[in-house]
Amino acid sequence: MTIKEAILKSLDEIGGLTNYMEVHDHIIKNNYYDFGSAKTPPSTVSALLGDFIRNGDSRVKRVKQAGGTYSYYLTKNEQDIGIEVLSGSTETASVKVEKISYKSYNERDLHKLLSSYLKNTKIYSKTIFHEQSKYGKDNNQIWTHPDMVGVKFLNLQTKVSQNFLKSINRVDTFKLSSYEIKKEINSDAELKKAYFQAVSNSSWANYGYLVAFEFSDSLSDEMERLNQSFGIGIIELDANPYQSKILFPATYRDLDFKTIDKLCKINKEFEQFIEQTDRLLTAQERYYKSTEKELDEFCDDYFESDTEIEKYCKDKNIPNGE
């Protein structure tokens, strides 16, 4: 059968409200379709479910759940699902989701994957909790705070050359990056909202990135256009963090010290990150190793082995894709 036939058959057999990941798993379990060399089969299923709705196919409907995610069902099963659920209200929808209890993961579960990928490229990274900031309960803070920040130091071989560069321009001895992280981006509207959120909360950094675990394959051209116009890079995160890819590189910008100062004032962890960076930059040679260790311990945890990665993804319900 075709992949669309496999999706429809799976929706019918699941019977009630379900999400794209459950549909994907049902297809695989029953060998309804061979995805072959497809890079991200769950994203393909998600995109095609969305196509049913966008193309006005009356066989499939969806309900928006709390958090902005969607549950799908066959129209012919509508009466069996219950009209109170199909009202789309957050309360009744969430009750129904608990009954079908499909497993998902939290956006912040992806942070350790990203920190491991970044550490492998010699970038120290730290999660910034916007809810711990002054005015942290203000929803507008998501347009100010990055999800994660990172710093990479110029790796000169000799202490003489390091000191020489510092005496000329200390800013050139390190680069600061900002990361906006999403679980999945499946539509043009989702891409634009996430991208301009990254533009907004990365204005202070040398490099800004939008990171997502899943991108719809249909968004490549629009991602390229946005990247060329605004310079925010795009990273596709993988369950094996070392297989993550920079789809589009970020454009370098000078640091915006006024915004850095603002973030330091409203968020203690961001201030500490900048302080730790400064301490390492100004550390005397005999204290460099201990100061570097302090920065490493302050920053986010990262994986030490592949076994640890596999266990983490299994525990957090992060799709492995293998």
Protein backbone atom coordinates (compact mmCIF):
# COMPACT_ATOMS: atom_id res chain seq x y z
CA MET A 1 0.00 0.00 0.00
CA THR A 2 1.04 3.62 -0.38
CA ILE A 3 2.11 5.65 2.63
CA LYS A 4 -1.20 7.56 2.63
CA GLU A 5 -3.10 4.28 2.58
CA ALA A 6 -0.96 3.08 5.49
CA ILE A 7 -1.79 6.26 7.44
CA LEU A 8 -5.53 5.89 6.82
CA LYS A 9 -5.50 2.21 7.77
CA SER A 10 -3.58 2.99 10.96
CA LEU A 11 -5.99 5.80 11.92
CA ASP A 12 -8.88 3.39 11.41
CA GLU A 13 -7.34 0.63 13.51
CA ILE A 14 -6.23 2.96 16.32
CA GLY A 15 -9.82 4.16 16.39
CA GLY A 16 -9.69 7.26 18.57
CA LEU A 17 -7.67 10.44 18.80
CA THR A 18 -4.01 9.82 18.10
CA ASN A 19 -0.83 11.71 17.23
CA TYR A 20 1.57 11.37 14.31
CA MET A 21 4.07 9.37 16.36
CA GLU A 22 1.50 6.72 17.26
CA VAL A 23 0.49 6.48 13.60
CA HIS A 24 4.14 6.09 12.60
CA ASP A 25 4.72 3.38 15.21
CA HIS A 26 1.55 1.52 14.13
CA ILE A 27 2.72 1.52 10.49
CA ILE A 28 6.14 0.15 11.47
CA LYS A 29 4.72 -2.45 13.87
CA ASN A 30 2.36 -3.84 11.23
CA ASN A 31 4.76 -3.51 8.29
CA TYR A 32 2.23 -1.46 6.34
CA TYR A 33 4.88 0.61 4.59
CA ASP A 34 8.63 0.44 4.05
CA PHE A 35 10.14 3.88 4.61
CA GLY A 36 13.39 2.69 3.09
CA SER A 37 16.06 5.37 3.19
CA ALA A 38 13.74 8.13 4.40
CA LYS A 39 15.73 10.27 6.84
CA THR A 40 12.91 11.17 9.23
CA PRO A 41 9.89 8.86 8.80
CA PRO A 42 7.97 10.42 11.75
CA SER A 43 8.29 13.85 10.12
CA THR A 44 7.02 12.41 6.85
CA VAL A 45 3.94 10.98 8.60
CA SER A 46 3.38 14.29 10.42
CA ALA A 47 3.62 16.29 7.20
CA LEU A 48 1.24 13.97 5.33
CA LEU A 49 -1.32 14.10 8.16
CA GLY A 50 -1.17 17.87 7.84
CA ASP A 51 -1.62 17.55 4.08
CA PHE A 52 -4.93 15.72 4.58
CA ILE A 53 -6.20 18.78 6.47
CA ARG A 54 -4.68 21.43 4.18
CA ASN A 55 -5.97 19.69 1.06
CA GLY A 56 -9.48 19.45 2.49
CA ASP A 57 -9.58 15.63 2.49
CA SER A 58 -12.83 14.91 4.33
CA ARG A 59 -11.64 11.51 5.56
CA VAL A 60 -9.34 12.97 8.22
CA LYS A 61 -9.94 15.58 10.93
CA ARG A 62 -7.86 16.91 13.80
CA VAL A 63 -8.26 18.55 17.21
CA LYS A 64 -5.84 21.09 18.63
CA GLN A 65 -4.57 20.06 22.06
CA ALA A 66 -2.99 22.00 24.91
CA GLY A 67 0.50 23.12 23.94
CA GLY A 68 -0.41 23.60 20.29
CA THR A 69 -0.06 19.95 19.22
CA TYR A 70 -2.67 18.12 17.13
CA SER A 71 -4.53 14.83 17.52
CA TYR A 72 -5.96 13.18 14.40
CA TYR A 73 -8.89 10.84 13.74
CA LEU A 74 -10.99 9.43 10.90
CA THR A 75 -14.22 11.28 10.26
CA LYS A 76 -16.14 8.00 10.16
CA ASN A 77 -15.09 7.34 13.78
CA GLU A 78 -16.28 10.74 14.98
CA GLN A 79 -19.36 9.46 16.81
CA ASP A 80 -17.32 6.86 18.69
CA ILE A 81 -14.85 9.45 19.96
CA GLY A 82 -17.38 11.71 21.70
CA ILE A 83 -18.60 15.19 20.93
CA GLU A 84 -17.16 16.65 24.16
CA VAL A 85 -13.66 15.80 23.02
CA LEU A 86 -14.16 17.16 19.52
CA SER A 87 -15.14 20.55 20.93
CA GLY A 88 -11.41 21.21 21.06
CA SER A 89 -11.45 22.71 24.56
CA THR A 90 -8.22 22.29 26.48
CA GLU A 91 -9.83 20.63 29.47
CA THR A 92 -11.78 17.93 27.66
CA ALA A 93 -9.03 17.36 25.12
CA SER A 94 -6.41 16.81 27.80
CA VAL A 95 -8.67 14.29 29.58
CA LYS A 96 -9.01 12.31 26.37
CA VAL A 97 -5.29 12.42 25.73
CA GLU A 98 -4.70 10.92 29.16
CA LYS A 99 -7.00 8.03 28.27
CA ILE A 100 -5.20 7.18 25.06
CA SER A 101 -1.92 7.98 26.89
CA TYR A 102 0.40 8.24 23.91
CA LYS A 103 3.93 8.94 24.98
CA SER A 104 5.69 12.16 24.16
CA TYR A 105 8.68 14.13 25.37
CA ASN A 106 9.24 17.65 26.63
CA GLU A 107 11.01 20.32 24.63
CA ARG A 108 13.60 20.71 27.36
CA ASP A 109 14.43 17.00 27.12
CA LEU A 110 16.21 17.98 23.91
CA HIS A 111 18.61 20.33 25.70
CA LYS A 112 20.97 17.57 26.80
CA LEU A 113 21.14 16.29 23.22
CA LEU A 114 22.05 19.76 22.00
CA SER A 115 24.57 20.36 24.80
CA SER A 116 26.30 17.08 23.86
CA TYR A 117 26.44 18.05 20.19
CA LEU A 118 27.82 21.47 21.09
CA LYS A 119 30.36 20.07 23.54
CA ASN A 120 31.67 17.86 20.75
CA THR A 121 32.33 21.05 18.77
CA LYS A 122 34.06 22.62 21.81
CA ILE A 123 31.16 24.92 22.70
CA TYR A 124 30.20 25.31 26.37
CA SER A 125 26.42 25.66 26.64
CA LYS A 126 23.91 26.57 29.34
CA THR A 127 20.10 26.41 29.52
CA ILE A 128 18.50 29.74 30.43
CA PHE A 129 15.21 29.37 32.32
CA HIS A 130 13.17 32.43 31.39
CA GLU A 131 10.62 31.63 34.10
CA GLN A 132 13.32 32.32 36.72
CA SER A 133 13.86 35.84 35.42
CA LYS A 134 12.39 39.02 36.77
CA TYR A 135 9.06 39.33 34.94
CA GLY A 136 9.51 35.64 34.05
CA LYS A 137 5.78 34.96 34.03
CA ASP A 138 5.32 37.44 31.21
CA ASN A 139 4.78 35.46 27.98
CA ASN A 140 6.69 38.14 26.08
CA GLN A 141 9.89 36.92 27.77
CA ILE A 142 10.13 34.11 25.20
CA TRP A 143 10.97 36.82 22.67
CA THR A 144 13.78 38.09 24.91
CA HIS A 145 15.38 34.97 26.36
CA PRO A 146 17.21 32.31 24.36
CA ASP A 147 16.59 28.68 25.35
CA MET A 148 20.32 28.00 25.53
CA VAL A 149 23.50 30.03 25.25
CA GLY A 150 26.96 28.88 24.22
CA VAL A 151 30.54 30.12 24.16
CA LYS A 152 33.48 28.92 22.11
CA PHE A 153 37.02 30.07 22.79
CA LEU A 154 39.67 30.62 20.13
CA ASN A 155 42.11 27.72 20.50
CA LEU A 156 45.51 29.28 20.03
CA GLN A 157 48.43 26.93 20.63
CA THR A 158 50.74 29.09 22.72
CA LYS A 159 50.13 31.30 25.72
CA VAL A 160 52.17 34.09 24.08
CA SER A 161 49.82 34.26 21.07
CA GLN A 162 46.78 34.11 23.37
CA ASN A 163 48.02 37.02 25.46
CA PHE A 164 48.98 38.96 22.34
CA LEU A 165 45.47 38.65 20.89
CA LYS A 166 43.88 39.58 24.21
CA SER A 167 45.97 42.73 24.38
CA ILE A 168 44.71 43.76 20.91
CA ASN A 169 41.03 42.86 21.15
CA ARG A 170 39.67 40.47 23.75
CA VAL A 171 36.34 40.13 21.90
CA ASP A 172 38.13 38.16 19.17
CA THR A 173 39.19 35.44 21.62
CA PHE A 174 35.67 34.01 22.02
CA LYS A 175 32.32 33.75 20.25
CA LEU A 176 28.88 33.72 21.92
CA SER A 177 25.92 31.83 20.45
CA SER A 178 22.18 31.71 21.15
CA TYR A 179 19.83 28.77 20.55
CA GLU A 180 16.04 28.64 20.19
CA ILE A 181 14.84 25.02 20.50
CA LYS A 182 11.64 23.40 19.20
CA LYS A 183 10.40 19.82 19.18
CA GLU A 184 9.08 19.90 15.63
CA ILE A 185 8.30 22.37 12.88
CA ASN A 186 5.83 21.07 10.34
CA SER A 187 4.31 24.08 8.59
CA ASP A 188 5.30 27.39 7.07
CA ALA A 189 3.51 29.27 9.85
CA GLU A 190 5.29 27.29 12.58
CA LEU A 191 8.64 27.91 10.87
CA LYS A 192 8.14 31.67 10.61
CA LYS A 193 7.01 32.03 14.23
CA ALA A 194 9.93 29.99 15.57
CA TYR A 195 12.44 31.67 13.25
CA PHE A 196 11.49 35.20 14.21
CA GLN A 197 11.47 34.20 17.85
CA ALA A 198 15.09 33.17 17.30
CA VAL A 199 15.79 36.47 15.51
CA SER A 200 14.33 38.36 18.47
CA ASN A 201 16.06 36.56 21.31
CA SER A 202 19.42 36.07 19.57
CA SER A 203 20.09 39.72 18.71
CA TRP A 204 22.78 40.00 21.41
CA ALA A 205 24.95 37.08 20.24
CA ASN A 206 27.63 36.56 17.60
CA TYR A 207 25.62 33.64 16.19
CA GLY A 208 21.92 32.77 16.50
CA TYR A 209 20.40 29.37 15.75
CA LEU A 210 16.95 27.82 15.46
CA VAL A 211 17.13 24.17 16.52
CA ALA A 212 14.44 21.51 16.02
CA PHE A 213 14.27 17.76 16.36
CA GLU A 214 12.01 17.45 13.34
CA PHE A 215 11.58 19.67 10.27
CA SER A 216 9.09 18.94 7.52
CA ASP A 217 10.95 18.18 4.30
CA SER A 218 8.72 20.67 2.48
CA LEU A 219 10.23 23.64 4.38
CA SER A 220 13.75 23.55 2.96
CA ASP A 221 13.29 26.38 0.44
CA GLU A 222 11.68 28.69 3.00
CA MET A 223 14.39 27.91 5.56
CA GLU A 224 17.02 28.86 2.99
CA ARG A 225 15.23 32.12 2.17
CA LEU A 226 14.90 33.11 5.83
CA ASN A 227 18.52 32.19 6.50
CA GLN A 228 19.78 34.31 3.62
CA SER A 229 17.60 37.26 4.66
CA PHE A 230 18.11 37.27 8.42
CA GLY A 231 21.22 35.20 9.14
CA ILE A 232 19.85 32.90 11.86
CA GLY A 233 21.30 29.43 11.37
CA ILE A 234 19.25 26.22 11.47
CA ILE A 235 20.28 22.98 13.19
CA GLU A 236 18.49 19.64 12.84
CA LEU A 237 18.93 17.77 16.12
CA ASP A 238 19.26 13.99 16.08
CA ALA A 239 18.56 11.38 18.79
CA ASN A 240 22.25 10.60 18.37
CA PRO A 241 23.45 14.17 19.05
CA TYR A 242 26.65 13.60 17.13
CA GLN A 243 24.65 13.05 13.97
CA SER A 244 22.97 16.44 14.30
CA LYS A 245 23.46 18.72 11.30
CA ILE A 246 23.77 22.42 10.62
CA LEU A 247 21.33 22.75 7.73
CA PHE A 248 22.08 26.46 7.27
CA PRO A 249 24.98 28.29 8.95
CA ALA A 250 24.51 31.40 11.07
CA THR A 251 25.85 34.77 9.97
CA TYR A 252 28.38 36.42 12.29
CA ARG A 253 27.34 39.63 14.08
CA ASP A 254 29.06 41.87 16.59
CA LEU A 255 27.93 41.49 20.18
CA ASP A 256 25.11 43.73 21.37
CA PHE A 257 26.36 44.73 24.82
CA LYS A 258 23.22 46.69 25.72
CA THR A 259 21.08 43.59 25.28
CA ILE A 260 23.65 41.47 27.11
CA ASP A 261 23.47 43.96 29.99
CA LYS A 262 19.65 43.76 29.97
CA LEU A 263 19.68 39.96 30.08
CA CYS A 264 22.23 40.02 32.91
CA LYS A 265 19.93 42.30 34.90
CA ILE A 266 16.83 40.16 34.53
CA ASN A 267 18.29 36.63 34.55
CA LYS A 268 20.79 35.44 37.15
CA GLU A 269 21.87 32.35 35.22
CA PHE A 270 22.65 34.37 32.11
CA GLU A 271 24.65 36.80 34.26
CA GLN A 272 26.58 33.89 35.80
CA PHE A 273 27.28 32.47 32.35
CA ILE A 274 28.76 35.79 31.20
CA GLU A 275 30.70 36.04 34.48
CA GLN A 276 32.15 32.53 34.08
CA THR A 277 33.12 33.34 30.49
CA ASP A 278 34.90 36.48 31.62
CA ARG A 279 36.71 34.62 34.41
CA LEU A 280 38.14 32.12 31.94
CA LEU A 281 39.18 34.86 29.54
CA THR A 282 41.04 36.76 32.26
CA ALA A 283 42.41 33.78 34.20
CA GLN A 284 46.12 33.65 34.85
CA GLU A 285 47.87 30.68 33.26
CA ARG A 286 48.25 28.80 36.55
CA TYR A 287 44.51 29.07 37.24
CA TYR A 288 43.28 28.40 33.71
CA LYS A 289 42.56 24.66 34.11
CA SER A 290 40.65 25.08 37.38
CA THR A 291 38.65 28.00 35.95
CA GLU A 292 37.86 25.98 32.83
CA LYS A 293 36.64 23.14 35.06
CA GLU A 294 34.37 25.58 36.93
CA LEU A 295 32.80 26.70 33.64
CA ASP A 296 32.32 23.12 32.52
CA GLU A 297 30.59 22.20 35.80
CA PHE A 298 28.37 25.29 35.63
CA CYS A 299 27.21 24.49 32.09
CA ASP A 300 24.67 21.85 31.05
CA ASP A 301 25.36 18.14 31.42
CA TYR A 302 26.26 16.14 28.34
CA PHE A 303 26.46 12.46 27.49
CA GLU A 304 29.57 10.40 28.12
CA SER A 305 28.66 7.32 26.06
CA ASP A 306 26.32 6.00 23.37
CA THR A 307 24.70 3.68 25.91
CA GLU A 308 23.81 6.67 28.05
CA ILE A 309 22.27 8.41 25.01
CA GLU A 310 20.15 5.39 24.08
CA LYS A 311 18.86 4.98 27.65
CA TYR A 312 18.05 8.69 27.94
CA CYS A 313 16.08 8.74 24.68
CA LYS A 314 14.18 5.62 25.71
CA ASP A 315 13.36 7.02 29.16
CA LYS A 316 12.26 10.38 27.73
CA ASN A 317 10.31 8.84 24.80
CA ILE A 318 12.47 10.65 22.26
CA PRO A 319 12.14 8.87 18.87
CA ASN A 320 15.37 7.19 17.88
CA GLY A 321 14.52 6.67 14.22
CA GLU A 322 16.59 3.50 13.91
